[in-house]
N, C-alpha and C. Protein backbone atom coordinates (compact mmCIF):
# COMPACT_ATOMS: atom_id res chain seq x y z
N MET A 1 3.64 -40.19 0.47
CA MET A 1 4.27 -39.93 1.83
C MET A 1 3.41 -39.97 2.90
N ASP A 2 4.06 -40.40 3.94
CA ASP A 2 3.27 -40.50 5.40
C ASP A 2 2.99 -39.34 6.07
N ALA A 3 1.84 -39.11 6.59
CA ALA A 3 1.65 -37.79 7.34
C ALA A 3 2.57 -37.81 8.43
N MET A 4 3.32 -36.47 8.70
CA MET A 4 3.84 -36.46 9.83
C MET A 4 3.13 -36.24 11.04
N ASN A 5 3.63 -36.68 12.27
CA ASN A 5 2.92 -36.66 13.54
C ASN A 5 3.30 -35.37 14.21
N ALA A 6 2.64 -34.90 15.19
CA ALA A 6 2.99 -33.62 15.88
C ALA A 6 4.50 -33.38 16.21
N ALA A 7 5.09 -34.44 16.74
CA ALA A 7 6.37 -34.33 17.09
C ALA A 7 7.46 -34.19 15.97
N ASP A 8 7.17 -35.12 14.79
CA ASP A 8 8.02 -34.77 13.52
C ASP A 8 7.71 -33.36 13.03
N LEU A 9 6.70 -33.05 12.86
CA LEU A 9 6.47 -31.90 12.53
C LEU A 9 7.16 -30.50 13.27
N ALA A 10 7.02 -30.65 14.71
CA ALA A 10 7.77 -29.85 15.33
C ALA A 10 9.10 -29.77 15.08
N ASN A 11 9.76 -30.98 14.83
CA ASN A 11 11.17 -30.89 14.55
C ASN A 11 11.71 -31.05 13.30
N ALA A 12 10.62 -30.88 12.35
CA ALA A 12 11.02 -30.97 10.90
C ALA A 12 12.39 -30.15 10.65
N PRO A 13 13.19 -30.60 9.89
CA PRO A 13 14.47 -29.72 9.70
C PRO A 13 14.17 -28.52 8.85
N SER A 14 14.85 -27.44 9.18
CA SER A 14 14.48 -26.15 8.63
C SER A 14 14.64 -26.20 7.09
N GLU A 15 15.60 -27.14 6.51
CA GLU A 15 15.82 -27.32 5.10
C GLU A 15 14.66 -27.89 4.52
N ARG A 16 13.89 -28.76 5.12
CA ARG A 16 12.76 -29.52 4.52
C ARG A 16 11.50 -28.48 4.40
N LEU A 17 11.35 -27.82 5.60
CA LEU A 17 10.23 -26.49 5.82
C LEU A 17 10.50 -25.84 4.55
N GLN A 18 11.76 -25.13 4.37
CA GLN A 18 12.13 -24.11 3.37
C GLN A 18 11.86 -24.60 2.05
N ALA A 19 12.27 -25.80 1.93
CA ALA A 19 12.10 -26.37 0.61
C ALA A 19 10.54 -26.38 0.06
N CYS A 20 9.78 -26.85 1.05
CA CYS A 20 8.19 -26.71 0.92
C CYS A 20 7.72 -25.37 0.85
N MET A 21 8.30 -24.39 1.62
CA MET A 21 7.85 -23.01 1.21
C MET A 21 8.28 -22.69 0.01
N ASP A 22 9.44 -22.68 -0.56
CA ASP A 22 9.99 -22.30 -1.83
C ASP A 22 9.02 -23.00 -2.73
N ALA A 23 8.68 -24.31 -2.79
CA ALA A 23 7.70 -24.77 -3.73
C ALA A 23 6.44 -24.30 -3.73
N LEU A 24 5.88 -23.91 -2.77
CA LEU A 24 4.58 -23.39 -2.52
C LEU A 24 4.46 -21.89 -2.56
N ARG A 25 5.45 -21.31 -2.57
CA ARG A 25 5.47 -19.69 -2.85
C ARG A 25 4.83 -19.20 -3.95
N PRO A 26 5.02 -19.63 -5.17
CA PRO A 26 4.30 -19.01 -6.23
C PRO A 26 2.87 -19.09 -6.40
N ALA A 27 2.32 -20.18 -5.77
CA ALA A 27 1.02 -20.29 -5.81
C ALA A 27 0.33 -19.63 -4.53
N PHE A 28 1.11 -19.61 -3.68
CA PHE A 28 0.75 -18.80 -2.30
C PHE A 28 0.59 -17.23 -2.80
N GLU A 29 1.74 -16.71 -3.16
CA GLU A 29 1.64 -15.27 -3.61
C GLU A 29 0.50 -15.05 -4.59
N SER A 30 0.28 -15.80 -5.45
CA SER A 30 -0.64 -15.64 -6.59
C SER A 30 -1.97 -15.61 -5.65
N ALA A 31 -2.39 -16.52 -4.93
CA ALA A 31 -3.41 -16.53 -4.06
C ALA A 31 -3.77 -15.12 -3.39
N VAL A 32 -2.69 -14.68 -2.89
CA VAL A 32 -2.83 -13.48 -1.95
C VAL A 32 -3.10 -12.24 -2.99
N GLU A 33 -2.28 -12.28 -4.23
CA GLU A 33 -2.16 -11.10 -4.90
C GLU A 33 -3.85 -11.01 -5.67
N SER A 34 -4.26 -12.26 -5.71
CA SER A 34 -5.59 -12.29 -6.61
C SER A 34 -6.79 -11.67 -5.65
N GLY A 35 -6.24 -11.48 -4.28
CA GLY A 35 -7.19 -10.77 -3.25
C GLY A 35 -8.05 -11.74 -2.82
N GLY A 36 -8.04 -13.13 -3.17
CA GLY A 36 -8.78 -14.16 -2.48
C GLY A 36 -8.44 -14.68 -1.30
N VAL A 37 -7.30 -14.54 -0.84
CA VAL A 37 -6.84 -14.79 0.52
C VAL A 37 -6.29 -13.51 1.36
N ALA A 38 -6.65 -13.43 2.63
CA ALA A 38 -5.89 -12.42 3.30
C ALA A 38 -4.66 -12.91 4.05
N LEU A 39 -3.76 -12.32 4.26
CA LEU A 39 -2.65 -12.68 5.01
C LEU A 39 -3.02 -13.11 6.33
N GLY A 40 -3.90 -12.22 7.11
CA GLY A 40 -3.97 -12.49 8.34
C GLY A 40 -4.85 -13.71 8.70
N SER A 41 -5.83 -13.96 7.70
CA SER A 41 -6.42 -15.42 7.78
C SER A 41 -5.73 -16.35 7.65
N ALA A 42 -4.49 -16.40 6.64
CA ALA A 42 -3.70 -17.29 6.31
C ALA A 42 -2.68 -17.76 7.56
N ALA A 43 -2.53 -16.70 8.35
CA ALA A 43 -1.56 -16.93 9.38
C ALA A 43 -2.32 -17.54 10.63
N GLY A 44 -3.55 -17.67 10.67
CA GLY A 44 -4.35 -17.86 11.70
C GLY A 44 -4.41 -19.42 11.86
N SER A 45 -4.94 -20.00 12.93
CA SER A 45 -4.91 -21.40 13.26
C SER A 45 -5.63 -22.28 12.09
N GLU A 46 -6.75 -21.59 11.37
CA GLU A 46 -7.36 -22.31 10.31
C GLU A 46 -6.91 -21.87 8.96
N LEU A 47 -6.78 -22.64 8.19
CA LEU A 47 -6.32 -22.08 6.68
C LEU A 47 -7.53 -21.77 5.95
N PRO A 48 -7.67 -20.71 5.36
CA PRO A 48 -8.81 -20.48 4.33
C PRO A 48 -9.02 -21.78 3.42
N ASN A 49 -10.28 -21.78 2.91
CA ASN A 49 -10.59 -23.03 1.89
C ASN A 49 -9.49 -23.02 0.49
N GLU A 50 -9.04 -21.69 0.22
CA GLU A 50 -8.28 -21.58 -0.95
C GLU A 50 -7.02 -21.94 -0.79
N LEU A 51 -6.37 -22.13 0.65
CA LEU A 51 -5.24 -22.38 1.16
C LEU A 51 -5.28 -23.96 1.36
N GLU A 52 -6.18 -24.29 2.03
CA GLU A 52 -6.48 -25.73 2.09
C GLU A 52 -6.36 -26.61 0.99
N THR A 53 -6.79 -25.95 -0.48
CA THR A 53 -6.89 -26.51 -1.61
C THR A 53 -5.32 -26.67 -1.96
N LEU A 54 -4.56 -25.64 -1.77
CA LEU A 54 -3.17 -25.45 -2.26
C LEU A 54 -2.31 -26.65 -1.16
N ALA A 55 -2.83 -26.68 0.13
CA ALA A 55 -2.13 -27.70 0.95
C ALA A 55 -2.35 -29.14 0.44
N SER A 56 -3.55 -29.57 -0.17
CA SER A 56 -4.07 -30.76 -0.85
C SER A 56 -3.35 -30.75 -2.17
N GLU A 57 -3.03 -29.97 -2.75
CA GLU A 57 -2.23 -30.19 -4.19
C GLU A 57 -0.79 -30.42 -3.66
N ALA A 58 -0.25 -29.87 -2.72
CA ALA A 58 1.10 -29.89 -2.12
C ALA A 58 1.21 -31.54 -1.82
N GLU A 59 0.21 -31.91 -1.35
CA GLU A 59 0.18 -33.39 -0.66
C GLU A 59 0.01 -34.30 -1.89
N ARG A 60 -0.61 -34.07 -3.09
CA ARG A 60 -0.39 -34.75 -4.18
C ARG A 60 0.83 -34.77 -4.87
N ALA A 61 1.40 -33.59 -4.61
CA ALA A 61 2.69 -33.62 -5.22
C ALA A 61 3.95 -34.24 -4.30
N GLY A 62 3.54 -34.66 -3.18
CA GLY A 62 4.38 -35.58 -2.48
C GLY A 62 4.92 -35.06 -1.09
N TRP A 63 4.34 -33.71 -0.91
CA TRP A 63 4.72 -32.99 0.34
C TRP A 63 3.75 -33.71 1.58
N PRO A 64 4.31 -33.89 2.61
CA PRO A 64 3.38 -34.31 3.77
C PRO A 64 2.15 -33.15 4.01
N ALA A 65 1.23 -33.32 4.19
CA ALA A 65 -0.20 -32.39 4.39
C ALA A 65 0.39 -31.43 5.55
N ASP A 66 0.79 -31.92 6.77
CA ASP A 66 1.03 -31.18 7.91
C ASP A 66 2.10 -30.22 7.56
N LEU A 67 3.30 -30.82 6.89
CA LEU A 67 4.22 -29.90 6.40
C LEU A 67 3.85 -28.76 5.59
N ALA A 68 2.89 -29.04 4.46
CA ALA A 68 2.45 -28.18 3.55
C ALA A 68 1.79 -27.08 4.35
N ARG A 69 0.80 -27.42 5.06
CA ARG A 69 0.03 -26.46 5.95
C ARG A 69 1.19 -25.36 6.92
N ARG A 70 2.14 -26.15 7.55
CA ARG A 70 3.17 -25.33 8.23
C ARG A 70 3.80 -24.30 7.30
N ALA A 71 4.12 -24.81 5.99
CA ALA A 71 4.83 -24.06 5.36
C ALA A 71 4.03 -22.69 4.77
N ILE A 72 2.63 -23.17 4.54
CA ILE A 72 1.64 -22.07 4.08
C ILE A 72 1.71 -20.96 5.34
N HIS A 73 1.59 -21.66 6.54
CA HIS A 73 1.46 -20.54 7.72
C HIS A 73 2.69 -19.76 7.92
N GLU A 74 3.77 -20.33 7.43
CA GLU A 74 4.84 -19.58 7.50
C GLU A 74 4.84 -18.50 6.55
N LEU A 75 4.58 -18.81 5.29
CA LEU A 75 4.32 -17.90 4.20
C LEU A 75 3.48 -16.75 4.59
N ALA A 76 2.57 -16.92 5.09
CA ALA A 76 1.78 -15.73 5.75
C ALA A 76 2.27 -15.13 6.67
N ARG A 77 2.97 -15.64 7.64
CA ARG A 77 3.85 -14.91 8.62
C ARG A 77 4.79 -14.04 8.17
N GLU A 78 5.50 -14.54 7.11
CA GLU A 78 6.45 -13.70 6.33
C GLU A 78 5.99 -12.59 5.77
N GLY A 79 4.86 -12.79 4.83
CA GLY A 79 4.10 -11.75 4.27
C GLY A 79 3.58 -10.79 5.21
N LEU A 80 3.13 -11.36 6.35
CA LEU A 80 2.59 -9.94 7.32
C LEU A 80 3.81 -9.29 7.85
N GLY A 81 4.90 -9.99 7.98
CA GLY A 81 6.06 -9.16 8.58
C GLY A 81 6.88 -8.24 7.40
N ALA A 82 6.53 -8.88 6.14
CA ALA A 82 7.01 -7.79 5.13
C ALA A 82 6.16 -6.55 4.88
N GLU A 83 4.95 -6.97 5.09
CA GLU A 83 3.70 -5.81 5.05
C GLU A 83 4.07 -4.74 6.11
N GLY A 84 4.17 -5.21 7.49
CA GLY A 84 4.58 -4.39 8.50
C GLY A 84 5.89 -3.60 8.38
N ALA A 85 6.64 -4.02 7.56
CA ALA A 85 7.86 -3.55 7.33
C ALA A 85 7.52 -2.19 6.26
N VAL A 86 6.65 -2.49 5.45
CA VAL A 86 6.54 -1.36 4.46
C VAL A 86 6.06 -0.16 5.25
N TYR A 87 5.28 -0.30 6.36
CA TYR A 87 4.62 0.72 7.14
C TYR A 87 5.44 1.43 8.14
N ASP A 88 6.56 0.62 8.35
CA ASP A 88 7.41 1.12 9.47
C ASP A 88 8.20 2.34 9.16
């Protein structure tokens, strides 16, 4: 698949982003649960190496790399929101 440009990424249909998030969720959760990745660092502007690897694997599976990175960031943000809810 071709890489998405910034405009395409910003306008990616929510269904496509959600599908990518769903596909990456098990591997993402495994990386976080193993202690190898902190949610805060995953939600930041740069992905940790472990999650860059996940983005590369997603690209090999047919997802555009930019969409995979966006999905990983969204998964991290979701996780941080859920984590915050536990403490509320």
